[in-house]
Protein backbone atom coordinates (compact mmCIF):
# COMPACT_ATOMS: atom_id res chain seq x y z
CA MET A 1 115.65 73.05 196.22
CA ALA A 2 115.36 75.45 193.42
CA ARG A 3 114.75 74.72 190.08
CA GLN A 4 116.85 76.71 187.60
CA ASN A 5 116.00 78.98 184.50
CA LYS A 6 117.97 77.31 181.49
CA THR A 7 118.82 79.79 179.08
CA LYS A 8 118.29 78.75 175.40
CA LYS A 9 122.04 79.42 173.88
CA ASN A 10 122.58 80.56 169.71
CA ARG A 11 124.20 78.02 168.11
CA ASN A 12 127.08 79.45 165.90
CA PHE A 13 128.64 77.42 163.16
CA ARG A 14 131.99 77.96 161.59
CA LEU A 15 133.15 77.06 157.49
CA ILE A 16 136.78 76.46 157.06
CA LEU A 17 138.78 76.07 153.97
CA ILE A 18 141.91 73.91 154.77
CA GLU A 19 144.57 72.99 152.25
CA ASP A 20 144.65 69.60 151.72
CA GLU A 21 148.28 68.74 151.87
CA THR A 22 149.80 71.03 154.40
CA HIS A 23 146.41 71.45 156.09
CA LYS A 24 146.95 75.17 156.86
CA PRO A 25 143.55 76.72 156.92
CA LEU A 26 142.99 79.19 154.29
CA MET A 27 139.77 80.71 155.18
CA ALA A 28 137.26 80.40 157.98
CA MET A 29 133.91 81.73 158.29
CA ARG A 30 131.52 82.05 161.39
CA PHE A 31 127.93 82.08 161.15
CA SER A 32 124.65 81.72 162.98
CA ARG A 33 121.43 79.50 161.85
CA THR A 34 119.42 82.91 161.45
CA SER A 35 122.27 84.69 159.16
CA PHE A 36 122.50 81.76 157.10
CA ILE A 37 118.91 81.38 156.04
CA VAL A 38 118.88 85.24 155.48
CA ALA A 39 121.98 84.97 153.43
CA ALA A 40 120.39 82.39 151.47
CA VAL A 41 117.14 84.17 150.76
CA ILE A 42 119.36 87.15 149.91
CA ALA A 43 121.36 85.27 147.23
CA ALA A 44 117.88 83.64 146.07
CA VAL A 45 116.52 86.96 145.28
CA SER A 46 119.75 88.42 143.76
CA VAL A 47 119.32 85.33 141.18
CA PHE A 48 116.09 85.63 140.59
CA LEU A 49 116.58 89.46 139.43
CA ILE A 50 119.43 89.29 137.69
CA ILE A 51 117.60 85.91 135.44
CA TYR A 52 114.81 88.59 135.02
CA MET A 53 116.56 91.28 133.96
CA LEU A 54 118.35 89.16 131.76
CA ILE A 55 115.02 88.23 130.14
CA ALA A 56 113.49 91.03 129.91
CA PHE A 57 116.16 93.91 129.11
CA THR A 58 118.19 92.13 126.61
CA PRO A 59 117.99 89.73 123.45
CA VAL A 60 117.86 86.54 125.44
CA ARG A 61 114.45 86.51 125.93
CA THR A 62 114.13 86.17 122.19
CA LEU A 63 115.55 82.28 122.51
CA ILE A 64 112.36 81.60 124.87
CA PRO A 65 110.57 79.11 122.47
CA GLY A 66 106.70 80.69 121.36
CA TYR A 67 108.37 84.24 122.25
CA PRO A 68 108.01 86.64 119.16
CA ASP A 69 111.32 88.30 117.50
CA ALA A 70 111.89 91.63 115.59
CA ARG A 71 111.85 88.69 112.02
CA ALA A 72 108.48 87.24 113.34
CA LYS A 73 106.63 90.82 113.84
CA ARG A 74 107.64 92.38 110.89
CA ALA A 75 106.60 88.91 109.22
CA ALA A 76 102.87 89.09 111.05
CA ILE A 77 102.66 92.92 109.59
CA GLN A 78 103.80 92.01 105.82
CA ASN A 79 101.38 88.81 105.96
CA ALA A 80 98.18 91.24 107.67
CA ILE A 81 99.11 93.56 104.59
CA ARG A 82 99.31 91.06 101.83
CA ILE A 83 95.55 89.67 103.30
CA ASP A 84 93.74 92.96 103.23
CA SER A 85 95.32 93.56 99.69
CA LEU A 86 93.84 90.25 98.63
CA GLU A 87 90.53 90.91 100.45
CA MET A 88 90.11 94.19 98.41
CA ILE A 89 90.84 92.09 95.28
CA VAL A 90 88.02 89.79 96.27
CA SER A 91 85.61 92.40 96.80
CA ARG A 92 86.92 94.28 93.56
CA TRP A 93 86.31 91.24 91.38
CA ASP A 94 82.99 90.53 93.55
CA LEU A 95 81.64 93.76 92.55
CA TYR A 96 82.62 93.51 88.93
CA SER A 97 81.06 90.48 88.95
CA GLU A 98 77.67 91.61 90.02
CA ASN A 99 77.59 94.47 87.70
CA LEU A 100 78.86 92.14 85.07
CA ARG A 101 75.59 89.65 85.45
CA ARG A 102 73.46 93.07 86.20
CA VAL A 103 74.25 94.74 82.91
CA PHE A 104 73.45 91.37 81.06
CA GLU A 105 70.18 91.19 82.52
CA GLY A 106 69.80 94.85 82.00
CA GLU A 107 69.63 95.98 85.43
CA GLU A 108 71.69 99.47 86.64
CA PRO A 109 75.18 99.13 88.04
CA VAL A 110 76.00 98.61 91.56
CA ARG A 111 77.41 102.02 92.80
CA ILE A 112 80.45 101.66 95.45
CA ASP A 113 78.38 104.47 97.87
CA SER A 114 75.29 102.20 97.93
CA LEU A 115 77.58 98.98 98.74
CA ILE A 116 78.80 101.08 101.36
CA ARG A 117 75.70 102.08 102.78
CA GLN A 118 74.64 98.48 102.44
CA LYS A 119 77.04 97.07 104.72
CA ALA A 120 76.81 99.79 107.33
CA GLU A 121 73.03 98.79 107.24
CA ALA A 122 73.80 95.11 107.52
CA GLU A 123 76.13 96.04 110.58
CA ARG A 124 72.95 97.98 112.44
CA SER A 125 70.39 95.19 111.45
CA ALA A 126 72.58 92.35 112.72
CA MET A 127 72.83 93.96 116.32
CA THR A 128 70.09 92.93 117.98
CA GLU A 129 67.51 95.57 120.04
CA LYS A 130 69.09 94.78 123.26
CA GLN A 131 72.57 95.56 122.19
CA ALA A 132 71.38 98.81 120.97
CA ARG A 133 69.85 99.83 123.94
CA GLU A 134 73.01 98.93 126.06
CA GLN A 135 75.10 100.78 123.62
CA ASP A 136 72.50 104.20 124.16
CA SER A 137 72.64 103.79 127.72
CA LEU A 138 76.47 103.72 127.79
CA LEU A 139 76.33 106.71 125.37
CA ARG A 140 73.91 108.30 127.63
CA LEU A 141 76.13 108.02 131.05
CA ASN A 142 79.22 109.06 129.42
CA VAL A 143 77.49 112.42 127.96
CA THR A 144 76.28 112.65 131.90
CA ASN A 145 79.39 111.81 133.30
CA GLU A 146 80.92 114.29 131.24
CA GLU A 147 78.70 117.23 132.26
CA GLN A 148 78.74 116.26 135.45
CA PHE A 149 82.91 117.16 135.94
CA GLU A 150 82.44 119.61 132.82
CA LEU A 151 84.56 117.52 130.42
CA SER A 152 82.86 118.09 127.24
CA LEU A 153 84.36 117.64 123.87
CA ALA A 154 85.42 121.12 123.18
CA GLU A 155 87.86 120.52 125.31
CA THR A 156 89.56 117.23 123.38
CA ARG A 157 89.20 119.72 119.98
CA ASN A 158 91.44 122.17 121.30
CA LEU A 159 94.29 119.16 121.53
CA PRO A 160 97.74 119.59 119.85
CA ILE A 161 97.86 117.52 116.53
CA GLU A 162 100.77 115.25 118.81
CA GLY A 163 97.51 113.93 120.80
CA MET A 164 95.08 112.84 118.11
CA HIS A 165 94.88 109.79 116.64
CA PHE A 166 95.15 109.94 112.71
CA PHE A 167 93.19 107.09 110.73
CA CYS A 168 95.63 105.68 108.15
CA PRO A 169 93.98 107.24 104.59
CA LEU A 170 95.11 104.66 102.57
CA LYS A 171 96.90 101.23 103.23
CA GLY A 172 99.86 101.09 100.35
CA ILE A 173 103.39 102.25 100.14
CA ILE A 174 104.88 105.71 100.39
CA SER A 175 106.45 106.42 96.93
CA GLN A 176 107.41 109.57 97.54
CA GLY A 177 108.13 111.15 101.06
CA TYR A 178 108.00 114.62 102.18
CA ASP A 179 110.27 116.83 102.15
CA LYS A 180 109.80 120.83 103.95
CA ALA A 181 111.08 122.76 100.83
CA ILE A 182 110.61 120.51 97.55
CA HIS A 183 107.47 118.18 98.17
CA PRO A 184 105.99 119.21 101.10
CA PHE A 185 103.09 116.52 101.27
CA ILE A 186 103.79 112.50 100.40
CA ASP A 187 102.57 110.16 97.67
CA ILE A 188 101.18 106.76 98.25
CA THR A 189 100.74 104.47 95.66
CA ALA A 190 97.92 101.35 96.15
CA PRO A 191 96.03 98.97 94.08
CA ALA A 192 93.60 100.68 91.57
CA ASN A 193 90.18 101.05 93.44
CA SER A 194 91.57 101.26 96.54
CA MET A 195 89.44 103.32 98.97
CA VAL A 196 90.72 106.39 100.62
CA TYR A 197 89.87 107.44 104.09
CA ALA A 198 89.42 110.36 106.58
CA VAL A 199 92.23 110.53 108.62
CA LEU A 200 90.04 112.34 111.30
CA ASP A 201 86.30 113.61 112.17
CA GLY A 202 85.52 117.10 109.99
CA THR A 203 83.89 118.76 107.29
CA VAL A 204 84.21 118.60 103.59
CA ILE A 205 85.07 122.04 102.62
CA ALA A 206 86.40 121.27 98.87
CA SER A 207 85.21 118.57 96.62
CA GLY A 208 85.71 118.53 92.70
CA TRP A 209 87.97 118.67 89.77
CA ASN A 210 91.13 120.29 89.12
CA ASP A 211 93.17 119.84 86.03
CA GLU A 212 96.49 119.09 87.57
CA SER A 213 95.32 117.64 90.77
CA GLY A 214 92.42 115.82 89.35
CA TYR A 215 89.56 114.80 91.93
CA THR A 216 90.37 116.55 95.05
CA VAL A 217 88.73 116.27 98.40
CA GLN A 218 89.41 118.72 101.20
CA ILE A 219 88.87 118.12 104.96
CA GLN A 220 88.64 120.37 107.72
CA HIS A 221 89.28 119.09 111.08
CA SER A 222 89.32 120.51 114.54
CA GLY A 223 92.33 121.79 115.91
CA ASP A 224 93.14 124.16 112.55
CA ILE A 225 93.86 120.74 110.73
CA ILE A 226 93.14 120.38 107.22
CA SER A 227 93.35 117.18 105.26
CA ILE A 228 94.08 117.08 100.89
CA TYR A 229 93.20 113.90 98.85
CA LYS A 230 94.11 114.08 95.35
CA HIS A 231 94.55 112.33 92.05
CA ASN A 232 91.57 110.08 93.04
CA GLN A 233 89.11 107.91 90.54
CA LYS A 234 85.91 108.56 92.12
CA LEU A 235 84.81 111.30 95.34
CA LEU A 236 82.47 109.91 97.79
CA LYS A 237 81.83 113.10 99.40
CA LYS A 238 80.80 116.55 98.68
CA VAL A 239 81.22 119.86 99.93
CA GLY A 240 79.40 120.29 103.47
CA ASP A 241 79.15 116.36 104.46
CA LYS A 242 80.33 115.43 107.56
CA VAL A 243 82.93 112.66 107.83
CA THR A 244 84.16 110.42 110.59
CA ALA A 245 87.70 108.99 111.06
CA GLY A 246 88.10 106.08 108.69
CA GLU A 247 85.16 106.44 106.62
CA PRO A 248 85.64 106.34 102.99
CA ILE A 249 86.13 109.82 100.99
CA ALA A 250 86.85 108.33 97.55
CA VAL A 251 88.51 105.94 95.40
CA VAL A 252 92.44 106.17 93.95
CA GLY A 253 93.47 107.11 91.06
CA ASN A 254 94.99 108.44 88.50
CA THR A 255 93.22 111.91 87.51
CA GLY A 256 94.85 114.99 86.59
CA ALA A 257 98.13 116.12 84.68
CA LEU A 258 100.97 115.87 87.84
CA THR A 259 100.57 112.18 88.26
CA THR A 260 101.91 109.22 86.63
CA GLY A 261 100.18 106.11 88.28
CA ASP A 262 97.25 105.03 90.82
CA HIS A 263 98.77 106.83 93.57
CA LEU A 264 97.22 109.50 96.40
CA HIS A 265 98.89 112.68 97.22
CA PHE A 266 98.16 113.35 100.77
CA GLU A 267 98.49 116.50 102.68
CA LEU A 268 98.34 116.98 106.61
CA TRP A 269 97.87 121.43 106.85
CA TYR A 270 98.29 122.35 110.73
CA ARG A 271 97.76 125.99 111.35
CA GLY A 272 98.80 127.42 107.99
CA GLU A 273 101.68 125.08 107.56
CA ALA A 274 102.20 122.06 105.83
CA VAL A 275 103.60 118.81 108.53
CA ASP A 276 105.02 115.60 107.84
CA PRO A 277 101.79 113.25 108.03
CA THR A 278 104.30 110.50 108.52
CA LYS A 279 105.09 112.01 112.09
CA TYR A 280 101.60 111.34 113.18
CA ILE A 281 99.87 108.35 111.54
CA ASN A 282 101.17 105.39 111.28
CA PHE A 283 101.47 104.06 107.50
């Protein structure tokens, strides 16, 4: 007797919604096991995507414990600025006490530029010989790769001003903003004896005294950019000095006739025209 082949039939299901009193069918839905699994997966993925979009693109994410909101970020920035100011005040008092001790003992007072050199020498001495060799090897490898693919620094010097990374010249508060017609520069107020830094690598093209601007320094940068720093108490660089971004170049002050308090008069020139520094520098 021949054995019959039994075919496996797909089992279908029906979901019916019936009114309780009249037993009248209101809605019926037929589905199989496969279609039910597919629908469940699609529903789960849709719910996950909706929850993700709510958390990622709406203010709901601030309700998550530990997620920083705008107020927390603003407070963190203000605390960082306050800590930096306190560190500057402590350093200034340390310098004052050290100079006072030296004066009482008949020694020569410490100069600010000498402290900067001592700090740089201390950082270099803290670096081990092995670390110095590793950094030198990495630098040589980068230079070799640039020359191999013809990526020299000459190309980066021709970047537009929008593509350059500027260092903040002075950590303080902008007391008067940029106005192209009346005030084509900005004024930054800061505590006395605060350091003024170079915004980019460059060469000092002017450094000296002016009756109106006080102690002034000008730096020529690549890309036809010039930065000007006025009303300083003391200049740390002279004409012809090479400076790097973030290097101290002066001490903020209140010198010259056109000033009413300790602040930095900062100008940024690009291709012979004064531009708004706040568009390119994060103060």
